[in-house]
Amino acid sequence: MSENDEWPKAALSLTSSVAGGIPVIVVEGVLDATTREQFADHLNEVVAVHGHDLILDMAGVTFMDSRALGLIVHHWQGCTSAGGRFALVGVRYSPSKVMWITGLAQRLPLYETLDEALAALD
C-alpha cells in the first residue's frame, strides 16, 4: 500500500424491526474493534426503547471477534436477568468461530431461523 491508500473500513449494517412482539436486529458485516461502538450503541438503543426482549439475526455476519462476542454475552445476560427473552439466529461457524472456540455456542440460545427462535421464546 502506498501512503495515499487507505485501509478499507469495516462495514457494519444494523437494521431493526419487531417480529412476534420481540425486537429483531439484523446484523450484516464485520463485528470487531472497528465496529464495536456502533454495535453497542445500537443494542443499547433498542433495549432502551423496547425493553429486554431481543433477537439478533447474525446470518449476515462476515467476521466476529472476541470483543463483539463479549458484547453479545453482556446483552444476553442483561436481558435474561431482567426477565427478558434473548436469541441468536442464523449464526454461521466460519465467521463466528470464536463462539465455538470459547464454548459459548453450547450455552447461548442459537436458532437456525427467526421462526424457530420466536416459537422457542413464546
PDB file of N, CA and C in Angstrom:
ATOM      1  N   MET A   1       0.841  -1.181   0.000  1.00  0.00           N
ATOM      2  CA  MET A   1       0.000   0.000   0.000  1.00  0.00           C
ATOM      3  C   MET A   1       0.880   1.236   0.000  1.00  0.00           C
ATOM      4  N   SER A   2       0.502   2.193  -0.777  1.00  0.00           N
ATOM      5  CA  SER A   2       1.219   3.458  -0.752  1.00  0.00           C
ATOM      6  C   SER A   2       0.674   4.305   0.387  1.00  0.00           C
ATOM      7  N   GLU A   3       1.390   5.403   0.696  1.00  0.00           N
ATOM      8  CA  GLU A   3       0.929   6.230   1.809  1.00  0.00           C
ATOM      9  C   GLU A   3      -0.382   6.938   1.504  1.00  0.00           C
ATOM     10  N   ASN A   4      -0.779   7.006   0.231  1.00  0.00           N
ATOM     11  CA  ASN A   4      -2.042   7.639  -0.130  1.00  0.00           C
ATOM     12  C   ASN A   4      -3.226   6.686  -0.058  1.00  0.00           C
ATOM     13  N   ASP A   5      -2.938   5.381   0.017  1.00  0.00           N
ATOM     14  CA  ASP A   5      -4.010   4.400   0.100  1.00  0.00           C
ATOM     15  C   ASP A   5      -4.556   4.359   1.528  1.00  0.00           C
ATOM     16  N   GLU A   6      -5.823   4.101   1.649  1.00  0.00           N
ATOM     17  CA  GLU A   6      -6.434   3.939   2.958  1.00  0.00           C
ATOM     18  C   GLU A   6      -6.796   2.477   3.140  1.00  0.00           C
ATOM     19  N   TRP A   7      -6.706   2.026   4.395  1.00  0.00           N
ATOM     20  CA  TRP A   7      -7.185   0.685   4.700  1.00  0.00           C
ATOM     21  C   TRP A   7      -8.685   0.686   4.497  1.00  0.00           C
ATOM     22  N   PRO A   8      -9.218  -0.399   3.963  1.00  0.00           N
ATOM     23  CA  PRO A   8     -10.678  -0.435   3.825  1.00  0.00           C
ATOM     24  C   PRO A   8     -11.341  -0.401   5.200  1.00  0.00           C
ATOM     25  N   LYS A   9     -12.398   0.346   5.304  1.00  0.00           N
ATOM     26  CA  LYS A   9     -13.119   0.445   6.571  1.00  0.00           C
ATOM     27  C   LYS A   9     -14.084  -0.724   6.685  1.00  0.00           C
ATOM     28  N   ALA A  10     -14.148  -1.260   7.876  1.00  0.00           N
ATOM     29  CA  ALA A  10     -15.075  -2.359   8.121  1.00  0.00           C
ATOM     30  C   ALA A  10     -16.494  -1.832   8.032  1.00  0.00           C
ATOM     31  N   ALA A  11     -17.310  -2.543   7.317  1.00  0.00           N
ATOM     32  CA  ALA A  11     -18.697  -2.115   7.147  1.00  0.00           C
ATOM     33  C   ALA A  11     -19.594  -2.928   8.055  1.00  0.00           C
ATOM     34  N   LEU A  12     -20.510  -2.242   8.710  1.00  0.00           N
ATOM     35  CA  LEU A  12     -21.496  -2.895   9.550  1.00  0.00           C
ATOM     36  C   LEU A  12     -22.841  -2.257   9.279  1.00  0.00           C
ATOM     37  N   SER A  13     -23.824  -3.089   8.993  1.00  0.00           N
ATOM     38  CA  SER A  13     -25.185  -2.632   8.776  1.00  0.00           C
ATOM     39  C   SER A  13     -26.059  -3.238   9.856  1.00  0.00           C
ATOM     40  N   LEU A  14     -26.840  -2.392  10.527  1.00  0.00           N
ATOM     41  CA  LEU A  14     -27.741  -2.831  11.592  1.00  0.00           C
ATOM     42  C   LEU A  14     -29.127  -2.299  11.290  1.00  0.00           C
ATOM     43  N   THR A  15     -30.082  -3.199  11.133  1.00  0.00           N
ATOM     44  CA  THR A  15     -31.458  -2.787  10.911  1.00  0.00           C
ATOM     45  C   THR A  15     -32.345  -3.456  11.956  1.00  0.00           C
ATOM     46  N   SER A  16     -33.330  -2.736  12.398  1.00  0.00           N
ATOM     47  CA  SER A  16     -34.201  -3.241  13.458  1.00  0.00           C
ATOM     48  C   SER A  16     -35.645  -3.297  12.991  1.00  0.00           C
ATOM     49  N   SER A  17     -36.340  -4.321  13.487  1.00  0.00           N
ATOM     50  CA  SER A  17     -37.770  -4.463  13.257  1.00  0.00           C
ATOM     51  C   SER A  17     -38.338  -5.187  14.480  1.00  0.00           C
ATOM     52  N   VAL A  18     -39.617  -5.464  14.444  1.00  0.00           N
ATOM     53  CA  VAL A  18     -40.245  -6.216  15.523  1.00  0.00           C
ATOM     54  C   VAL A  18     -40.984  -7.386  14.897  1.00  0.00           C
ATOM     55  N   ALA A  19     -40.780  -8.583  15.463  1.00  0.00           N
ATOM     56  CA  ALA A  19     -41.466  -9.792  14.998  1.00  0.00           C
ATOM     57  C   ALA A  19     -42.007 -10.521  16.222  1.00  0.00           C
ATOM     58  N   GLY A  20     -43.276 -10.839  16.197  1.00  0.00           N
ATOM     59  CA  GLY A  20     -43.870 -11.531  17.333  1.00  0.00           C
ATOM     60  C   GLY A  20     -43.744 -10.757  18.630  1.00  0.00           C
ATOM     61  N   GLY A  21     -43.701  -9.422  18.537  1.00  0.00           N
ATOM     62  CA  GLY A  21     -43.579  -8.582  19.709  1.00  0.00           C
ATOM     63  C   GLY A  21     -42.162  -8.463  20.261  1.00  0.00           C
ATOM     64  N   ILE A  22     -41.194  -9.035  19.568  1.00  0.00           N
ATOM     65  CA  ILE A  22     -39.801  -9.011  20.025  1.00  0.00           C
ATOM     66  C   ILE A  22     -38.949  -8.231  19.020  1.00  0.00           C
ATOM     67  N   PRO A  23     -38.135  -7.293  19.485  1.00  0.00           N
ATOM     68  CA  PRO A  23     -37.238  -6.578  18.577  1.00  0.00           C
ATOM     69  C   PRO A  23     -36.235  -7.548  17.947  1.00  0.00           C
ATOM     70  N   VAL A  24     -36.031  -7.378  16.653  1.00  0.00           N
ATOM     71  CA  VAL A  24     -35.068  -8.190  15.908  1.00  0.00           C
ATOM     72  C   VAL A  24     -34.069  -7.237  15.269  1.00  0.00           C
ATOM     73  N   ILE A  25     -32.793  -7.454  15.552  1.00  0.00           N
ATOM     74  CA  ILE A  25     -31.733  -6.666  14.920  1.00  0.00           C
ATOM     75  C   ILE A  25     -31.036  -7.561  13.907  1.00  0.00           C
ATOM     76  N   VAL A  26     -31.058  -7.139  12.648  1.00  0.00           N
ATOM     77  CA  VAL A  26     -30.350  -7.859  11.598  1.00  0.00           C
ATOM     78  C   VAL A  26     -28.952  -7.266  11.510  1.00  0.00           C
ATOM     79  N   VAL A  27     -27.954  -8.120  11.737  1.00  0.00           N
ATOM     80  CA  VAL A  27     -26.554  -7.705  11.766  1.00  0.00           C
ATOM     81  C   VAL A  27     -25.889  -8.208  10.490  1.00  0.00           C
ATOM     82  N   GLU A  28     -25.308  -7.283   9.720  1.00  0.00           N
ATOM     83  CA  GLU A  28     -24.620  -7.656   8.478  1.00  0.00           C
ATOM     84  C   GLU A  28     -23.258  -6.988   8.450  1.00  0.00           C
ATOM     85  N   GLY A  29     -22.215  -7.800   8.234  1.00  0.00           N
ATOM     86  CA  GLY A  29     -20.875  -7.260   8.116  1.00  0.00           C
ATOM     87  C   GLY A  29     -19.959  -7.720   9.224  1.00  0.00           C
ATOM     88  N   VAL A  30     -19.028  -6.856   9.576  1.00  0.00           N
ATOM     89  CA  VAL A  30     -17.938  -7.175  10.488  1.00  0.00           C
ATOM     90  C   VAL A  30     -18.247  -6.685  11.896  1.00  0.00           C
ATOM     91  N   LEU A  31     -18.064  -7.580  12.877  1.00  0.00           N
ATOM     92  CA  LEU A  31     -18.182  -7.216  14.288  1.00  0.00           C
ATOM     93  C   LEU A  31     -16.796  -7.337  14.912  1.00  0.00           C
ATOM     94  N   ASP A  32     -16.113  -6.216  15.018  1.00  0.00           N
ATOM     95  CA  ASP A  32     -14.773  -6.214  15.608  1.00  0.00           C
ATOM     96  C   ASP A  32     -14.530  -4.872  16.286  1.00  0.00           C
ATOM     97  N   ALA A  33     -13.287  -4.592  16.613  1.00  0.00           N
ATOM     98  CA  ALA A  33     -12.954  -3.357  17.330  1.00  0.00           C
ATOM     99  C   ALA A  33     -13.378  -2.107  16.561  1.00  0.00           C
ATOM    100  N   THR A  34     -13.386  -2.181  15.235  1.00  0.00           N
ATOM    101  CA  THR A  34     -13.719  -1.003  14.435  1.00  0.00           C
ATOM    102  C   THR A  34     -15.216  -0.715  14.404  1.00  0.00           C
ATOM    103  N   THR A  35     -16.038  -1.725  14.708  1.00  0.00           N
ATOM    104  CA  THR A  35     -17.488  -1.538  14.652  1.00  0.00           C
ATOM    105  C   THR A  35     -18.153  -1.759  16.012  1.00  0.00           C
ATOM    106  N   ARG A  36     -17.365  -2.060  17.031  1.00  0.00           N
ATOM    107  CA  ARG A  36     -17.913  -2.392  18.351  1.00  0.00           C
ATOM    108  C   ARG A  36     -18.778  -1.261  18.914  1.00  0.00           C
ATOM    109  N   GLU A  37     -18.314  -0.036  18.826  1.00  0.00           N
ATOM    110  CA  GLU A  37     -19.074   1.083  19.383  1.00  0.00           C
ATOM    111  C   GLU A  37     -20.415   1.255  18.670  1.00  0.00           C
ATOM    112  N   GLN A  38     -20.396   1.140  17.348  1.00  0.00           N
ATOM    113  CA  GLN A  38     -21.639   1.242  16.569  1.00  0.00           C
ATOM    114  C   GLN A  38     -22.616   0.137  16.992  1.00  0.00           C
ATOM    115  N   PHE A  39     -22.109  -1.088  17.139  1.00  0.00           N
ATOM    116  CA  PHE A  39     -22.929  -2.228  17.538  1.00  0.00           C
ATOM    117  C   PHE A  39     -23.475  -2.016  18.957  1.00  0.00           C
ATOM    118  N   ALA A  40     -22.613  -1.614  19.882  1.00  0.00           N
ATOM    119  CA  ALA A  40     -23.020  -1.392  21.275  1.00  0.00           C
ATOM    120  C   ALA A  40     -24.089  -0.314  21.359  1.00  0.00           C
ATOM    121  N   ASP A  41     -23.891   0.790  20.652  1.00  0.00           N
ATOM    122  CA  ASP A  41     -24.860   1.891  20.677  1.00  0.00           C
ATOM    123  C   ASP A  41     -26.223   1.432  20.174  1.00  0.00           C
ATOM    124  N   HIS A  42     -26.220   0.649  19.085  1.00  0.00           N
ATOM    125  CA  HIS A  42     -27.486   0.190  18.509  1.00  0.00           C
ATOM    126  C   HIS A  42     -28.204  -0.767  19.464  1.00  0.00           C
ATOM    127  N   LEU A  43     -27.456  -1.712  20.044  1.00  0.00           N
ATOM    128  CA  LEU A  43     -28.047  -2.643  21.008  1.00  0.00           C
ATOM    129  C   LEU A  43     -28.655  -1.881  22.184  1.00  0.00           C
ATOM    130  N   ASN A  44     -27.893  -0.949  22.732  1.00  0.00           N
ATOM    131  CA  ASN A  44     -28.373  -0.174  23.878  1.00  0.00           C
ATOM    132  C   ASN A  44     -29.621   0.630  23.534  1.00  0.00           C
ATOM    133  N   GLU A  45     -29.658   1.207  22.343  1.00  0.00           N
ATOM    134  CA  GLU A  45     -30.808   1.998  21.912  1.00  0.00           C
ATOM    135  C   GLU A  45     -32.058   1.130  21.781  1.00  0.00           C
ATOM    136  N   VAL A  46     -31.906  -0.047  21.172  1.00  0.00           N
ATOM    137  CA  VAL A  46     -33.058  -0.940  21.001  1.00  0.00           C
ATOM    138  C   VAL A  46     -33.585  -1.396  22.360  1.00  0.00           C
ATOM    139  N   VAL A  47     -32.693  -1.763  23.266  1.00  0.00           N
ATOM    140  CA  VAL A  47     -33.113  -2.196  24.599  1.00  0.00           C
ATOM    141  C   VAL A  47     -33.777  -1.037  25.353  1.00  0.00           C
ATOM    142  N   ALA A  48     -33.244   0.168  25.218  1.00  0.00           N
ATOM    143  CA  ALA A  48     -33.824   1.326  25.898  1.00  0.00           C
ATOM    144  C   ALA A  48     -35.243   1.614  25.406  1.00  0.00           C
ATOM    145  N   VAL A  49     -35.482   1.413  24.126  1.00  0.00           N
ATOM    146  CA  VAL A  49     -36.787   1.712  23.546  1.00  0.00           C
ATOM    147  C   VAL A  49     -37.774   0.565  23.731  1.00  0.00           C
ATOM    148  N   HIS A  50     -37.299  -0.682  23.565  1.00  0.00           N
ATOM    149  CA  HIS A  50     -38.208  -1.829  23.502  1.00  0.00           C
ATOM    150  C   HIS A  50     -38.178  -2.743  24.727  1.00  0.00           C
ATOM    151  N   GLY A  51     -37.271  -2.539  25.647  1.00  0.00           N
ATOM    152  CA  GLY A  51     -37.196  -3.422  26.799  1.00  0.00           C
ATOM    153  C   GLY A  51     -36.186  -4.538  26.600  1.00  0.00           C
ATOM    154  N   HIS A  52     -36.309  -5.582  27.399  1.00  0.00           N
ATOM    155  CA  HIS A  52     -35.251  -6.594  27.492  1.00  0.00           C
ATOM    156  C   HIS A  52     -35.461  -7.837  26.645  1.00  0.00           C
ATOM    157  N   ASP A  53     -36.393  -7.845  25.729  1.00  0.00           N
ATOM    158  CA  ASP A  53     -36.502  -8.936  24.761  1.00  0.00           C
ATOM    159  C   ASP A  53     -35.671  -8.553  23.541  1.00  0.00           C
ATOM    160  N   LEU A  54     -34.914  -9.524  22.995  1.00  0.00           N
ATOM    161  CA  LEU A  54     -34.037  -9.190  21.872  1.00  0.00           C
ATOM    162  C   LEU A  54     -33.671 -10.437  21.087  1.00  0.00           C
ATOM    163  N   ILE A  55     -33.765 -10.332  19.768  1.00  0.00           N
ATOM    164  CA  ILE A  55     -33.272 -11.366  18.860  1.00  0.00           C
ATOM    165  C   ILE A  55     -32.253 -10.712  17.942  1.00  0.00           C
ATOM    166  N   LEU A  56     -31.084 -11.347  17.817  1.00  0.00           N
ATOM    167  CA  LEU A  56     -30.060 -10.893  16.881  1.00  0.00           C
ATOM    168  C   LEU A  56     -29.991 -11.870  15.722  1.00  0.00           C
ATOM    169  N   ASP A  57     -30.260 -11.380  14.518  1.00  0.00           N
ATOM    170  CA  ASP A  57     -30.134 -12.195  13.306  1.00  0.00           C
ATOM    171  C   ASP A  57     -28.716 -12.018  12.788  1.00  0.00           C
ATOM    172  N   MET A  58     -27.904 -13.050  12.957  1.00  0.00           N
ATOM    173  CA  MET A  58     -26.468 -12.984  12.670  1.00  0.00           C
ATOM    174  C   MET A  58     -26.086 -13.618  11.332  1.00  0.00           C
ATOM    175  N   ALA A  59     -27.064 -13.949  10.510  1.00  0.00           N
ATOM    176  CA  ALA A  59     -26.775 -14.653   9.257  1.00  0.00           C
ATOM    177  C   ALA A  59     -25.870 -13.848   8.329  1.00  0.00           C
ATOM    178  N   GLY A  60     -25.903 -12.535   8.416  1.00  0.00           N
ATOM    179  CA  GLY A  60     -25.100 -11.694   7.538  1.00  0.00           C
ATOM    180  C   GLY A  60     -23.750 -11.296   8.099  1.00  0.00           C
ATOM    181  N   VAL A  61     -23.371 -11.838   9.255  1.00  0.00           N
ATOM    182  CA  VAL A  61     -22.081 -11.504   9.851  1.00  0.00           C
ATOM    183  C   VAL A  61     -20.971 -12.174   9.044  1.00  0.00           C
ATOM    184  N   THR A  62     -19.968 -11.389   8.668  1.00  0.00           N
ATOM    185  CA  THR A  62     -18.842 -11.927   7.891  1.00  0.00           C
ATOM    186  C   THR A  62     -17.612 -12.193   8.745  1.00  0.00           C
ATOM    187  N   PHE A  63     -17.559 -11.589   9.936  1.00  0.00           N
ATOM    188  CA  PHE A  63     -16.476 -11.825  10.890  1.00  0.00           C
ATOM    189  C   PHE A  63     -16.912 -11.307  12.249  1.00  0.00           C
ATOM    190  N   MET A  64     -16.547 -12.059  13.304  1.00  0.00           N
ATOM    191  CA  MET A  64     -16.832 -11.609  14.660  1.00  0.00           C
ATOM    192  C   MET A  64     -15.625 -11.921  15.532  1.00  0.00           C
ATOM    193  N   ASP A  65     -15.180 -10.921  16.311  1.00  0.00           N
ATOM    194  CA  ASP A  65     -14.061 -11.151  17.222  1.00  0.00           C
ATOM    195  C   ASP A  65     -14.561 -11.360  18.643  1.00  0.00           C
ATOM    196  N   SER A  66     -13.632 -11.614  19.560  1.00  0.00           N
ATOM    197  CA  SER A  66     -13.999 -11.927  20.940  1.00  0.00           C
ATOM    198  C   SER A  66     -14.623 -10.734  21.660  1.00  0.00           C
ATOM    199  N   ARG A  67     -14.257  -9.527  21.303  1.00  0.00           N
ATOM    200  CA  ARG A  67     -14.859  -8.349  21.945  1.00  0.00           C
ATOM    201  C   ARG A  67     -16.328  -8.221  21.567  1.00  0.00           C
ATOM    202  N   ALA A  68     -16.650  -8.486  20.319  1.00  0.00           N
ATOM    203  CA  ALA A  68     -18.054  -8.458  19.893  1.00  0.00           C
ATOM    204  C   ALA A  68     -18.832  -9.574  20.582  1.00  0.00           C
ATOM    205  N   LEU A  69     -18.217 -10.745  20.709  1.00  0.00           N
ATOM    206  CA  LEU A  69     -18.861 -11.843  21.417  1.00  0.00           C
ATOM    207  C   LEU A  69     -19.109 -11.448  22.870  1.00  0.00           C
ATOM    208  N   GLY A  70     -18.155 -10.785  23.491  1.00  0.00           N
ATOM    209  CA  GLY A  70     -18.338 -10.319  24.862  1.00  0.00           C
ATOM    210  C   GLY A  70     -19.518  -9.368  24.985  1.00  0.00           C
ATOM    211  N   LEU A  71     -19.698  -8.511  23.995  1.00  0.00           N
ATOM    212  CA  LEU A  71     -20.831  -7.583  23.992  1.00  0.00           C
ATOM    213  C   LEU A  71     -22.154  -8.341  23.869  1.00  0.00           C
ATOM    214  N   ILE A  72     -22.173  -9.358  23.021  1.00  0.00           N
ATOM    215  CA  ILE A  72     -23.374 -10.184  22.867  1.00  0.00           C
ATOM    216  C   ILE A  72     -23.689 -10.900  24.177  1.00  0.00           C
ATOM    217  N   VAL A  73     -22.672 -11.480  24.808  1.00  0.00           N
ATOM    218  CA  VAL A  73     -22.863 -12.175  26.083  1.00  0.00           C
ATOM    219  C   VAL A  73     -23.381 -11.201  27.144  1.00  0.00           C
ATOM    220  N   HIS A  74     -22.822 -10.004  27.170  1.00  0.00           N
ATOM    221  CA  HIS A  74     -23.274  -8.978  28.119  1.00  0.00           C
ATOM    222  C   HIS A  74     -24.770  -8.703  27.944  1.00  0.00           C
ATOM    223  N   HIS A  75     -25.228  -8.562  26.701  1.00  0.00           N
ATOM    224  CA  HIS A  75     -26.650  -8.290  26.451  1.00  0.00           C
ATOM    225  C   HIS A  75     -27.503  -9.520  26.738  1.00  0.00           C
ATOM    226  N   TRP A  76     -27.023 -10.695  26.439  1.00  0.00           N
ATOM    227  CA  TRP A  76     -27.743 -11.936  26.761  1.00  0.00           C
ATOM    228  C   TRP A  76     -27.980 -12.010  28.267  1.00  0.00           C
ATOM    229  N   GLN A  77     -26.926 -11.783  29.038  1.00  0.00           N
ATOM    230  CA  GLN A  77     -27.041 -11.849  30.496  1.00  0.00           C
ATOM    231  C   GLN A  77     -27.946 -10.737  31.023  1.00  0.00           C
ATOM    232  N   GLY A  78     -27.801  -9.532  30.483  1.00  0.00           N
ATOM    233  CA  GLY A  78     -28.620  -8.413  30.926  1.00  0.00           C
ATOM    234  C   GLY A  78     -30.090  -8.614  30.625  1.00  0.00           C
ATOM    235  N   CYS A  79     -30.379  -9.085  29.420  1.00  0.00           N
ATOM    236  CA  CYS A  79     -31.774  -9.314  29.029  1.00  0.00           C
ATOM    237  C   CYS A  79     -32.408 -10.405  29.881  1.00  0.00           C
ATOM    238  N   THR A  80     -31.738 -11.522  30.013  1.00  0.00           N
ATOM    239  CA  THR A  80     -32.334 -12.642  30.741  1.00  0.00           C
ATOM    240  C   THR A  80     -32.428 -12.368  32.237  1.00  0.00           C
ATOM    241  N   SER A  81     -31.441 -11.664  32.804  1.00  0.00           N
ATOM    242  CA  SER A  81     -31.514 -11.363  34.238  1.00  0.00           C
ATOM    243  C   SER A  81     -32.630 -10.361  34.542  1.00  0.00           C
ATOM    244  N   ALA A  82     -33.032  -9.576  33.542  1.00  0.00           N
ATOM    245  CA  ALA A  82     -34.137  -8.628  33.711  1.00  0.00           C
ATOM    246  C   ALA A  82     -35.479  -9.258  33.343  1.00  0.00           C
ATOM    247  N   GLY A  83     -35.481 -10.575  33.096  1.00  0.00           N
ATOM    248  CA  GLY A  83     -36.722 -11.270  32.766  1.00  0.00           C
ATOM    249  C   GLY A  83     -37.069 -11.258  31.296  1.00  0.00           C
ATOM    250  N   GLY A  84     -36.135 -10.802  30.465  1.00  0.00           N
ATOM    251  CA  GLY A  84     -36.381 -10.738  29.033  1.00  0.00           C
ATOM    252  C   GLY A  84     -36.023 -12.029  28.320  1.00  0.00           C
ATOM    253  N   ARG A  85     -36.358 -12.049  27.050  1.00  0.00           N
ATOM    254  CA  ARG A  85     -36.061 -13.196  26.183  1.00  0.00           C
ATOM    255  C   ARG A  85     -34.970 -12.785  25.206  1.00  0.00           C
ATOM    256  N   PHE A  86     -34.060 -13.708  24.881  1.00  0.00           N
ATOM    257  CA  PHE A  86     -32.907 -13.408  24.040  1.00  0.00           C
ATOM    258  C   PHE A  86     -32.611 -14.602  23.153  1.00  0.00           C
ATOM    259  N   ALA A  87     -32.287 -14.339  21.886  1.00  0.00           N
ATOM    260  CA  ALA A  87     -31.919 -15.421  20.970  1.00  0.00           C
ATOM    261  C   ALA A  87     -30.995 -14.891  19.880  1.00  0.00           C
ATOM    262  N   LEU A  88     -30.191 -15.796  19.365  1.00  0.00           N
ATOM    263  CA  LEU A  88     -29.351 -15.534  18.201  1.00  0.00           C
ATOM    264  C   LEU A  88     -29.848 -16.426  17.067  1.00  0.00           C
ATOM    265  N   VAL A  89     -29.961 -15.853  15.884  1.00  0.00           N
ATOM    266  CA  VAL A  89     -30.489 -16.573  14.729  1.00  0.00           C
ATOM    267  C   VAL A  89     -29.454 -16.572  13.609  1.00  0.00           C
ATOM    268  N   GLY A  90     -29.334 -17.701  12.928  1.00  0.00           N
ATOM    269  CA  GLY A  90     -28.518 -17.778  11.719  1.00  0.00           C
ATOM    270  C   GLY A  90     -27.027 -17.658  11.931  1.00  0.00           C
ATOM    271  N   VAL A  91     -26.543 -17.996  13.105  1.00  0.00           N
ATOM    272  CA  VAL A  91     -25.105 -17.911  13.378  1.00  0.00           C
ATOM    273  C   VAL A  91     -24.394 -18.972  12.549  1.00  0.00           C
ATOM    274  N   ARG A  92     -23.389 -18.545  11.794  1.00  0.00           N
ATOM    275  CA  ARG A  92     -22.607 -19.463  10.964  1.00  0.00           C
ATOM    276  C   ARG A  92     -21.235 -19.671  11.600  1.00  0.00           C
ATOM    277  N   TYR A  93     -20.742 -20.902  11.529  1.00  0.00           N
ATOM    278  CA  TYR A  93     -19.491 -21.254  12.196  1.00  0.00           C
ATOM    279  C   TYR A  93     -18.309 -20.424  11.710  1.00  0.00           C
ATOM    280  N   SER A  94     -18.072 -20.383  10.418  1.00  0.00           N
ATOM    281  CA  SER A  94     -16.840 -19.776   9.903  1.00  0.00           C
ATOM    282  C   SER A  94     -16.623 -18.337  10.364  1.00  0.00           C
ATOM    283  N   PRO A  95     -17.583 -17.431  10.147  1.00  0.00           N
ATOM    284  CA  PRO A  95     -17.323 -16.052  10.588  1.00  0.00           C
ATOM    285  C   PRO A  95     -17.459 -15.851  12.096  1.00  0.00           C
ATOM    286  N   SER A  96     -18.060 -16.809  12.784  1.00  0.00           N
ATOM    287  CA  SER A  96     -18.321 -16.662  14.219  1.00  0.00           C
ATOM    288  C   SER A  96     -17.654 -17.764  15.033  1.00  0.00           C
ATOM    289  N   LYS A  97     -16.561 -18.318  14.517  1.00  0.00           N
ATOM    290  CA  LYS A  97     -15.973 -19.482  15.191  1.00  0.00           C
ATOM    291  C   LYS A  97     -15.491 -19.190  16.605  1.00  0.00           C
ATOM    292  N   VAL A  98     -15.291 -17.916  16.950  1.00  0.00           N
ATOM    293  CA  VAL A  98     -14.921 -17.572  18.318  1.00  0.00           C
ATOM    294  C   VAL A  98     -15.988 -18.069  19.301  1.00  0.00           C
ATOM    295  N   MET A  99     -17.224 -18.180  18.859  1.00  0.00           N
ATOM    296  CA  MET A  99     -18.292 -18.703  19.717  1.00  0.00           C
ATOM    297  C   MET A  99     -18.045 -20.164  20.071  1.00  0.00           C
ATOM    298  N   TRP A 100     -17.528 -20.919  19.109  1.00  0.00           N
ATOM    299  CA  TRP A 100     -17.264 -22.338  19.335  1.00  0.00           C
ATOM    300  C   TRP A 100     -15.953 -22.526  20.097  1.00  0.00           C
ATOM    301  N   ILE A 101     -14.953 -21.732  19.776  1.00  0.00           N
ATOM    302  CA  ILE A 101     -13.657 -21.831  20.448  1.00  0.00           C
ATOM    303  C   ILE A 101     -13.813 -21.588  21.943  1.00  0.00           C
ATOM    304  N   THR A 102     -14.658 -20.645  22.316  1.00  0.00           N
ATOM    305  CA  THR A 102     -14.862 -20.303  23.726  1.00  0.00           C
ATOM    306  C   THR A 102     -15.860 -21.225  24.426  1.00  0.00           C
ATOM    307  N   GLY A 103     -16.568 -22.039  23.679  1.00  0.00           N
ATOM    308  CA  GLY A 103     -17.587 -22.912  24.252  1.00  0.00           C
ATOM    309  C   GLY A 103     -18.939 -22.235  24.415  1.00  0.00           C
ATOM    310  N   LEU A 104     -19.045 -20.977  24.045  1.00  0.00           N
ATOM    311  CA  LEU A 104     -20.305 -20.251  24.225  1.00  0.00           C
ATOM    312  C   LEU A 104     -21.394 -20.679  23.246  1.00  0.00           C
ATOM    313  N   ALA A 105     -21.011 -21.304  22.149  1.00  0.00           N
ATOM    314  CA  ALA A 105     -22.024 -21.784  21.199  1.00  0.00           C
ATOM    315  C   ALA A 105     -22.920 -22.834  21.843  1.00  0.00           C
ATOM    316  N   GLN A 106     -22.404 -23.543  22.846  1.00  0.00           N
ATOM    317  CA  GLN A 106     -23.204 -24.545  23.539  1.00  0.00           C
ATOM    318  C   GLN A 106     -24.075 -23.925  24.643  1.00  0.00           C
ATOM    319  N   ARG A 107     -23.821 -22.687  25.004  1.00  0.00           N
ATOM    320  CA  ARG A 107     -24.558 -22.037  26.092  1.00  0.00           C
ATOM    321  C   ARG A 107     -25.551 -20.988  25.600  1.00  0.00           C
ATOM    322  N   LEU A 108     -25.189 -20.267  24.555  1.00  0.00           N
ATOM    323  CA  LEU A 108     -26.063 -19.214  24.029  1.00  0.00           C
ATOM    324  C   LEU A 108     -27.278 -19.826  23.328  1.00  0.00           C
ATOM    325  N   PRO A 109     -28.418 -19.145  23.359  1.00  0.00           N
ATOM    326  CA  PRO A 109     -29.619 -19.649  22.687  1.00  0.00           C
ATOM    327  C   PRO A 109     -29.541 -19.410  21.178  1.00  0.00           C
ATOM    328  N   LEU A 110     -29.076 -20.420  20.444  1.00  0.00           N
ATOM    329  CA  LEU A 110     -28.888 -20.334  18.997  1.00  0.00           C
ATOM    330  C   LEU A 110     -30.028 -21.046  18.271  1.00  0.00           C
ATOM    331  N   TYR A 111     -30.534 -20.404  17.213  1.00  0.00           N
ATOM    332  CA  TYR A 111     -31.602 -20.983  16.401  1.00  0.00           C
ATOM    333  C   TYR A 111     -31.254 -20.788  14.932  1.00  0.00           C
ATOM    334  N   GLU A 112     -31.714 -21.724  14.114  1.00  0.00           N
ATOM    335  CA  GLU A 112     -31.450 -21.634  12.673  1.00  0.00           C
ATOM    336  C   GLU A 112     -32.228 -20.497  12.027  1.00  0.00           C
ATOM    337  N   THR A 113     -33.496 -20.354  12.397  1.00  0.00           N
ATOM    338  CA  THR A 113     -34.360 -19.377  11.738  1.00  0.00           C
ATOM    339  C   THR A 113     -35.070 -18.491  12.770  1.00  0.00           C
ATOM    340  N   LEU A 114     -35.569 -17.388  12.291  1.00  0.00           N
ATOM    341  CA  LEU A 114     -36.349 -16.486  13.137  1.00  0.00           C
ATOM    342  C   LEU A 114     -37.608 -17.183  13.646  1.00  0.00           C
ATOM    343  N   ASP A 115     -38.262 -17.947  12.791  1.00  0.00           N
ATOM    344  CA  ASP A 115     -39.474 -18.664  13.212  1.00  0.00           C
ATOM    345  C   ASP A 115     -39.181 -19.629  14.353  1.00  0.00           C
ATOM    346  N   GLU A 116     -38.049 -20.333  14.294  1.00  0.00           N
ATOM    347  CA  GLU A 116     -37.674 -21.256  15.366  1.00  0.00           C
ATOM    348  C   GLU A 116     -37.433 -20.484  16.669  1.00  0.00           C
ATOM    349  N   ALA A 117     -36.753 -19.353  16.577  1.00  0.00           N
ATOM    350  CA  ALA A 117     -36.479 -18.549  17.771  1.00  0.00           C
ATOM    351  C   ALA A 117     -37.786 -18.029  18.367  1.00  0.00           C
ATOM    352  N   LEU A 118     -38.672 -17.512  17.530  1.00  0.00           N
ATOM    353  CA  LEU A 118     -39.954 -16.996  18.029  1.00  0.00           C
ATOM    354  C   LEU A 118     -40.774 -18.095  18.701  1.00  0.00           C
ATOM    355  N   ALA A 119     -40.782 -19.296  18.116  1.00  0.00           N
ATOM    356  CA  ALA A 119     -41.518 -20.408  18.712  1.00  0.00           C
ATOM    357  C   ALA A 119     -40.915 -20.787  20.066  1.00  0.00           C
ATOM    358  N   ALA A 120     -39.607 -20.800  20.151  1.00  0.00           N
ATOM    359  CA  ALA A 120     -38.929 -21.173  21.401  1.00  0.00           C
ATOM    360  C   ALA A 120     -39.125 -20.126  22.486  1.00  0.00           C
ATOM    361  N   LEU A 121     -39.217 -18.854  22.103  1.00  0.00           N
ATOM    362  CA  LEU A 121     -39.334 -17.769  23.077  1.00  0.00           C
ATOM    363  C   LEU A 121     -40.775 -17.496  23.475  1.00  0.00           C
ATOM    364  N   ASP A 122     -41.715 -18.107  22.781  1.00  0.00           N
ATOM    365  CA  ASP A 122     -43.136 -17.846  23.036  1.00  0.00           C
ATOM    366  C   ASP A 122     -43.571 -18.368  24.383  1.00  0.00           C
TER     367      ASP A 122
END
